[in-house]
N, C-alpha and C. Protein backbone atom coordinates (compact mmCIF):
# COMPACT_ATOMS: atom_id res chain seq x y z
N MET A 1 0.78 -1.09 -0.06
CA MET A 1 -0.03 -0.01 0.05
C MET A 1 1.00 1.27 0.06
N ALA A 2 0.40 2.18 -0.80
CA ALA A 2 1.35 3.54 -0.87
C ALA A 2 1.10 4.10 0.29
N GLU A 3 2.35 4.91 0.58
CA GLU A 3 2.22 5.77 1.86
C GLU A 3 1.58 7.14 1.52
N MET A 4 0.66 7.65 2.33
CA MET A 4 0.01 8.95 2.18
C MET A 4 0.60 9.98 3.07
N MET A 5 0.68 11.12 2.32
CA MET A 5 1.46 12.25 3.17
C MET A 5 0.14 13.23 3.37
N TYR A 6 0.04 13.70 4.62
CA TYR A 6 -1.02 14.70 5.01
C TYR A 6 -0.55 15.94 4.36
N LEU A 7 -1.56 16.64 3.80
CA LEU A 7 -1.46 18.06 3.36
C LEU A 7 -2.15 18.93 4.15
N GLY A 8 -3.02 18.60 4.89
CA GLY A 8 -4.07 19.45 5.65
C GLY A 8 -5.42 19.66 5.02
N ASP A 9 -6.39 20.12 5.70
CA ASP A 9 -7.73 20.11 5.32
C ASP A 9 -8.22 18.79 4.75
N ASP A 10 -7.97 17.71 5.29
CA ASP A 10 -8.45 16.31 5.00
C ASP A 10 -7.96 15.96 3.55
N ASN A 11 -6.79 16.52 3.04
CA ASN A 11 -6.31 16.09 2.06
C ASN A 11 -4.93 15.31 2.12
N TRP A 12 -4.92 14.26 1.40
CA TRP A 12 -3.64 13.36 1.51
C TRP A 12 -3.05 13.13 0.17
N LYS A 13 -1.82 13.03 0.02
CA LYS A 13 -1.09 12.87 -1.26
C LYS A 13 -0.35 11.52 -1.34
N CYS A 14 -0.52 10.74 -2.46
CA CYS A 14 0.26 9.44 -2.46
C CYS A 14 1.65 9.69 -2.71
N SER A 15 2.57 9.05 -1.74
CA SER A 15 3.91 9.35 -2.20
C SER A 15 4.56 8.85 -3.33
N ILE A 16 3.78 7.79 -3.99
CA ILE A 16 4.28 7.39 -5.26
C ILE A 16 3.71 7.91 -6.53
N CYS A 17 2.49 8.19 -6.54
CA CYS A 17 1.94 8.75 -7.96
C CYS A 17 1.54 10.14 -7.69
N GLY A 18 1.43 10.64 -6.72
CA GLY A 18 1.15 12.05 -6.36
C GLY A 18 -0.37 12.48 -6.45
N GLN A 19 -1.09 11.40 -6.51
CA GLN A 19 -2.65 11.64 -6.47
C GLN A 19 -2.92 12.25 -5.09
N VAL A 20 -3.77 13.33 -5.27
CA VAL A 20 -4.32 13.86 -3.87
C VAL A 20 -5.77 13.27 -3.70
N VAL A 21 -6.03 12.93 -2.57
CA VAL A 21 -7.42 12.46 -2.14
C VAL A 21 -7.89 13.08 -0.93
N ASN A 22 -9.26 13.21 -0.81
CA ASN A 22 -9.84 14.10 0.20
C ASN A 22 -10.58 13.03 1.10
N THR A 23 -10.40 13.14 2.43
CA THR A 23 -11.07 12.07 3.33
C THR A 23 -12.06 12.69 4.15
N GLU A 24 -12.62 13.92 3.82
CA GLU A 24 -13.49 14.58 4.55
C GLU A 24 -14.87 13.56 4.52
N TYR A 25 -15.39 13.20 3.42
CA TYR A 25 -16.63 12.34 3.31
C TYR A 25 -16.29 10.92 3.36
N ASP A 26 -14.96 10.55 2.99
CA ASP A 26 -14.79 9.19 2.73
C ASP A 26 -13.34 8.80 3.32
N LEU A 27 -13.43 8.35 4.76
CA LEU A 27 -12.28 8.03 5.26
C LEU A 27 -11.39 6.84 4.83
N GLY A 28 -12.14 5.98 3.81
CA GLY A 28 -11.44 4.98 3.29
C GLY A 28 -10.62 5.56 2.08
N ALA A 29 -10.71 6.65 1.54
CA ALA A 29 -9.92 7.35 0.57
C ALA A 29 -8.37 7.26 0.93
N ILE A 30 -8.02 7.26 2.12
CA ILE A 30 -6.72 7.18 2.40
C ILE A 30 -6.17 6.07 2.09
N TYR A 31 -6.73 4.90 1.87
CA TYR A 31 -6.42 3.54 1.41
C TYR A 31 -6.25 3.72 -0.06
N HIS A 32 -5.62 4.60 -0.79
CA HIS A 32 -5.54 4.75 -2.03
C HIS A 32 -4.87 3.44 -2.65
N ASP A 33 -5.46 2.94 -3.71
CA ASP A 33 -4.74 1.91 -4.46
C ASP A 33 -4.03 2.50 -5.79
N CYS A 34 -2.70 2.73 -5.47
CA CYS A 34 -1.86 3.14 -6.45
C CYS A 34 -1.49 2.36 -7.57
N LYS A 35 -1.66 2.85 -8.75
CA LYS A 35 -1.54 2.16 -9.94
C LYS A 35 -0.08 1.91 -10.14
N LYS A 36 0.87 2.64 -9.70
CA LYS A 36 2.19 2.58 -9.71
C LYS A 36 2.91 1.68 -8.75
N GLU A 37 2.31 1.35 -7.75
CA GLU A 37 2.86 0.72 -6.60
C GLU A 37 3.50 -0.71 -6.91
N ASP A 38 2.73 -1.57 -7.72
CA ASP A 38 3.31 -2.70 -8.25
C ASP A 38 4.50 -2.43 -8.98
N VAL A 39 4.73 -1.50 -9.85
CA VAL A 39 6.00 -1.14 -10.63
C VAL A 39 7.06 -0.82 -9.68
N VAL A 40 6.73 0.06 -8.65
CA VAL A 40 7.75 0.60 -7.65
C VAL A 40 8.25 -0.60 -6.82
N GLU A 41 7.46 -1.44 -6.50
CA GLU A 41 7.94 -2.70 -5.64
C GLU A 41 9.00 -3.61 -6.63
N SER A 42 8.43 -3.85 -7.93
CA SER A 42 9.26 -4.66 -8.54
C SER A 42 10.67 -4.01 -9.10
N LEU A 43 10.63 -2.72 -9.24
CA LEU A 43 11.88 -2.00 -9.39
C LEU A 43 12.70 -1.99 -8.11
N ALA A 44 12.02 -1.82 -7.04
CA ALA A 44 12.84 -1.59 -5.84
C ALA A 44 13.50 -2.96 -5.47
N SER A 45 12.76 -4.09 -5.77
CA SER A 45 13.40 -5.47 -5.61
C SER A 45 14.69 -5.50 -6.66
N LEU A 46 14.58 -5.25 -7.83
CA LEU A 46 15.65 -5.19 -8.69
C LEU A 46 16.82 -4.27 -8.09
N VAL A 47 16.60 -3.12 -7.71
CA VAL A 47 17.51 -2.14 -7.16
C VAL A 47 18.18 -2.90 -6.05
N HIS A 48 17.62 -3.61 -5.10
CA HIS A 48 18.05 -4.35 -4.04
C HIS A 48 19.07 -5.59 -4.55
N ASP A 49 18.55 -6.28 -5.54
CA ASP A 49 19.34 -7.34 -6.10
C ASP A 49 20.59 -6.74 -6.70
N GLU A 50 20.64 -5.67 -7.23
CA GLU A 50 21.85 -4.90 -7.95
C GLU A 50 22.81 -4.66 -6.76
N TRP A 51 22.06 -4.04 -5.76
CA TRP A 51 23.09 -3.73 -4.52
C TRP A 51 23.80 -5.03 -3.93
N ILE A 52 23.01 -5.94 -3.80
CA ILE A 52 23.81 -7.12 -3.24
C ILE A 52 24.83 -7.50 -4.20
N GLU A 53 24.65 -7.60 -5.67
CA GLU A 53 25.72 -8.04 -6.38
C GLU A 53 26.98 -6.98 -6.16
N TRP A 54 26.67 -5.77 -6.10
CA TRP A 54 27.70 -4.76 -6.08
C TRP A 54 28.33 -4.84 -4.75
N SER A 55 27.61 -4.99 -3.59
CA SER A 55 28.28 -4.95 -2.24
C SER A 55 29.14 -6.29 -2.10
N LYS A 56 28.57 -7.36 -2.58
CA LYS A 56 29.24 -8.72 -2.56
C LYS A 56 30.62 -8.54 -3.43
N ASP A 57 30.63 -7.89 -4.61
CA ASP A 57 31.86 -7.71 -5.33
C ASP A 57 32.89 -6.75 -4.57
N ILE A 58 32.43 -5.81 -4.02
CA ILE A 58 33.18 -4.85 -3.26
C ILE A 58 33.79 -5.75 -2.02
N ALA A 59 32.95 -6.51 -1.40
CA ALA A 59 33.34 -6.99 -0.16
C ALA A 59 34.56 -8.00 -0.52
N SER A 60 34.50 -8.64 -1.65
CA SER A 60 35.34 -9.82 -2.21
C SER A 60 36.68 -9.05 -2.76
N LYS A 61 36.73 -7.82 -3.01
CA LYS A 61 37.97 -7.20 -3.61
C LYS A 61 38.46 -6.13 -2.70
N GLU A 62 37.91 -5.57 -1.68
CA GLU A 62 38.31 -4.48 -0.94
C GLU A 62 38.40 -5.01 0.55
N LYS A 63 39.44 -4.32 1.31
CA LYS A 63 39.23 -4.55 2.75
C LYS A 63 38.25 -3.50 3.45
N LEU A 64 37.15 -4.13 3.94
CA LEU A 64 36.13 -3.50 4.71
C LEU A 64 36.16 -3.65 6.09
N SER A 65 35.71 -2.69 6.81
CA SER A 65 35.67 -2.83 8.29
C SER A 65 34.78 -3.96 8.65
N GLU A 66 34.98 -4.59 9.69
CA GLU A 66 34.25 -5.77 10.25
C GLU A 66 32.85 -5.21 10.35
N GLU A 67 32.69 -4.05 10.98
CA GLU A 67 31.37 -3.30 11.20
C GLU A 67 30.59 -3.30 9.91
N ARG A 68 31.24 -2.67 8.88
CA ARG A 68 30.55 -2.38 7.55
C ARG A 68 30.16 -3.76 6.95
N LEU A 69 31.07 -4.72 6.94
CA LEU A 69 30.67 -5.99 6.38
C LEU A 69 29.65 -6.63 6.88
N ASN A 70 29.60 -6.69 8.47
CA ASN A 70 28.45 -7.26 8.93
C ASN A 70 27.23 -6.55 8.74
N ARG A 71 27.36 -5.16 8.78
CA ARG A 71 26.12 -4.53 8.39
C ARG A 71 25.52 -4.84 6.91
N TRP A 72 26.34 -4.82 5.97
CA TRP A 72 26.13 -5.31 4.59
C TRP A 72 25.50 -6.78 4.65
N LYS A 73 26.22 -7.60 5.26
CA LYS A 73 25.74 -9.03 5.30
C LYS A 73 24.11 -9.26 5.81
N HIS A 74 23.97 -8.22 6.66
CA HIS A 74 22.60 -8.43 7.31
C HIS A 74 21.51 -8.18 6.29
N TYR A 75 21.89 -7.29 5.14
CA TYR A 75 21.00 -6.95 4.10
C TYR A 75 21.08 -8.04 2.95
N TRP A 76 22.04 -8.75 2.88
CA TRP A 76 22.08 -9.84 1.69
C TRP A 76 21.06 -10.93 1.96
N ILE A 77 19.86 -10.35 1.87
CA ILE A 77 18.60 -11.29 1.88
C ILE A 77 17.69 -10.69 0.73
N PRO A 78 16.66 -11.65 0.34
CA PRO A 78 15.62 -11.33 -0.56
C PRO A 78 14.87 -10.01 -0.13
N TYR A 79 14.78 -9.06 -1.04
CA TYR A 79 13.88 -7.86 -0.95
C TYR A 79 12.64 -8.11 -0.02
N ASP A 80 11.97 -9.28 -0.28
CA ASP A 80 10.67 -9.36 0.58
C ASP A 80 10.96 -9.58 1.90
N GLU A 81 12.23 -10.01 2.39
CA GLU A 81 12.53 -10.20 3.72
C GLU A 81 13.14 -9.07 4.55
N LEU A 82 13.35 -7.89 3.62
CA LEU A 82 13.97 -6.82 4.42
C LEU A 82 13.11 -6.01 5.25
N PRO A 83 13.59 -5.49 6.41
CA PRO A 83 12.76 -4.57 7.20
C PRO A 83 12.12 -3.31 6.30
N GLU A 84 11.08 -2.79 6.77
CA GLU A 84 10.50 -1.82 5.93
C GLU A 84 11.33 -0.65 5.65
N ALA A 85 12.16 -0.14 6.63
CA ALA A 85 13.05 1.00 6.45
C ALA A 85 13.97 0.69 5.27
N ALA A 86 14.54 -0.52 5.13
CA ALA A 86 15.48 -0.94 4.05
C ALA A 86 14.66 -0.75 2.69
N LYS A 87 13.43 -1.45 2.70
CA LYS A 87 12.76 -1.38 1.53
C LYS A 87 12.46 0.10 1.09
N ALA A 88 12.14 1.10 2.07
CA ALA A 88 11.72 2.42 1.71
C ALA A 88 13.00 3.13 0.80
N SER A 89 14.22 2.68 1.40
CA SER A 89 15.37 3.20 0.65
C SER A 89 15.35 2.78 -0.79
N ASP A 90 15.17 1.55 -1.08
CA ASP A 90 15.01 0.93 -2.37
C ASP A 90 14.17 1.56 -3.20
N ARG A 91 12.99 1.86 -2.47
CA ARG A 91 11.72 2.53 -3.21
C ARG A 91 12.15 3.88 -3.73
N VAL A 92 12.93 4.51 -2.90
CA VAL A 92 13.34 5.84 -3.36
C VAL A 92 14.06 6.06 -4.76
N TRP A 93 14.98 4.80 -4.87
CA TRP A 93 15.70 4.78 -6.23
C TRP A 93 14.61 4.26 -7.39
N ALA A 94 13.69 3.40 -7.15
CA ALA A 94 12.72 2.92 -8.02
C ALA A 94 11.85 4.06 -8.55
N VAL A 95 11.47 5.00 -7.52
CA VAL A 95 10.66 6.15 -8.08
C VAL A 95 11.60 7.04 -8.81
N ARG A 96 12.72 7.20 -8.39
CA ARG A 96 13.48 8.10 -9.37
C ARG A 96 13.63 7.64 -10.82
N ALA A 97 13.72 6.24 -10.81
CA ALA A 97 13.75 5.52 -12.35
C ALA A 97 12.44 5.72 -13.00
N ILE A 98 11.32 5.59 -12.38
CA ILE A 98 10.32 5.86 -12.98
C ILE A 98 9.94 7.34 -13.29
N GLU A 99 10.38 8.27 -12.52
CA GLU A 99 10.35 9.71 -12.93
C GLU A 99 11.26 10.00 -14.21
N ILE A 100 12.26 9.51 -14.27
CA ILE A 100 13.37 9.48 -15.49
C ILE A 100 12.60 9.09 -16.64
N ALA A 101 11.97 7.81 -16.62
CA ALA A 101 11.23 7.32 -17.60
C ALA A 101 10.03 8.07 -18.09
N GLU A 102 9.43 8.65 -17.10
CA GLU A 102 8.21 9.37 -17.42
C GLU A 102 8.60 10.79 -18.20
N LYS A 103 9.73 11.17 -17.60
CA LYS A 103 10.39 12.57 -18.17
C LYS A 103 10.63 12.32 -19.73
N HIS A 104 11.06 11.17 -20.05
CA HIS A 104 11.42 10.90 -21.48
C HIS A 104 10.14 10.27 -22.20
N GLY A 105 8.94 10.31 -21.79
CA GLY A 105 7.82 9.87 -22.38
C GLY A 105 7.22 8.54 -22.41
N PHE A 106 8.12 7.83 -21.36
CA PHE A 106 7.57 6.41 -21.23
C PHE A 106 6.17 6.56 -20.20
N THR A 107 5.17 5.90 -20.48
CA THR A 107 4.01 5.76 -19.69
C THR A 107 3.66 4.16 -19.51
N ARG A 108 2.93 4.05 -18.44
CA ARG A 108 2.49 2.86 -18.11
C ARG A 108 1.10 2.54 -18.83
N ARG A 109 0.95 1.25 -19.55
CA ARG A 109 -0.26 0.99 -19.97
C ARG A 109 -1.06 -0.05 -19.08
N ASP A 110 -2.06 0.22 -18.57
CA ASP A 110 -2.95 -0.76 -17.39
C ASP A 110 -3.58 -1.75 -18.58
């Protein structure tokens, strides 16, 4: 489910697609079904997979502190098993990729 940011006056904005919904008469509107959410999650998973490959490569070639290596190893797990805060970091990069694609004319077909 997309995160909603409160704008005031019963208005909420989807953090993924930017749609604004008003909850004055419909409290259920806050549970906005974002059409981009599935794309964001797929891209975020890909971002995470790429980070795992990159970080393992760096870890095999460079001398890292024990602390950093342990921290990285903690996240060498499938995206679906990550804590929500780590997923949020990957989603930031996924949303950036979507914004770049949209800037260049790519659109989603439902």
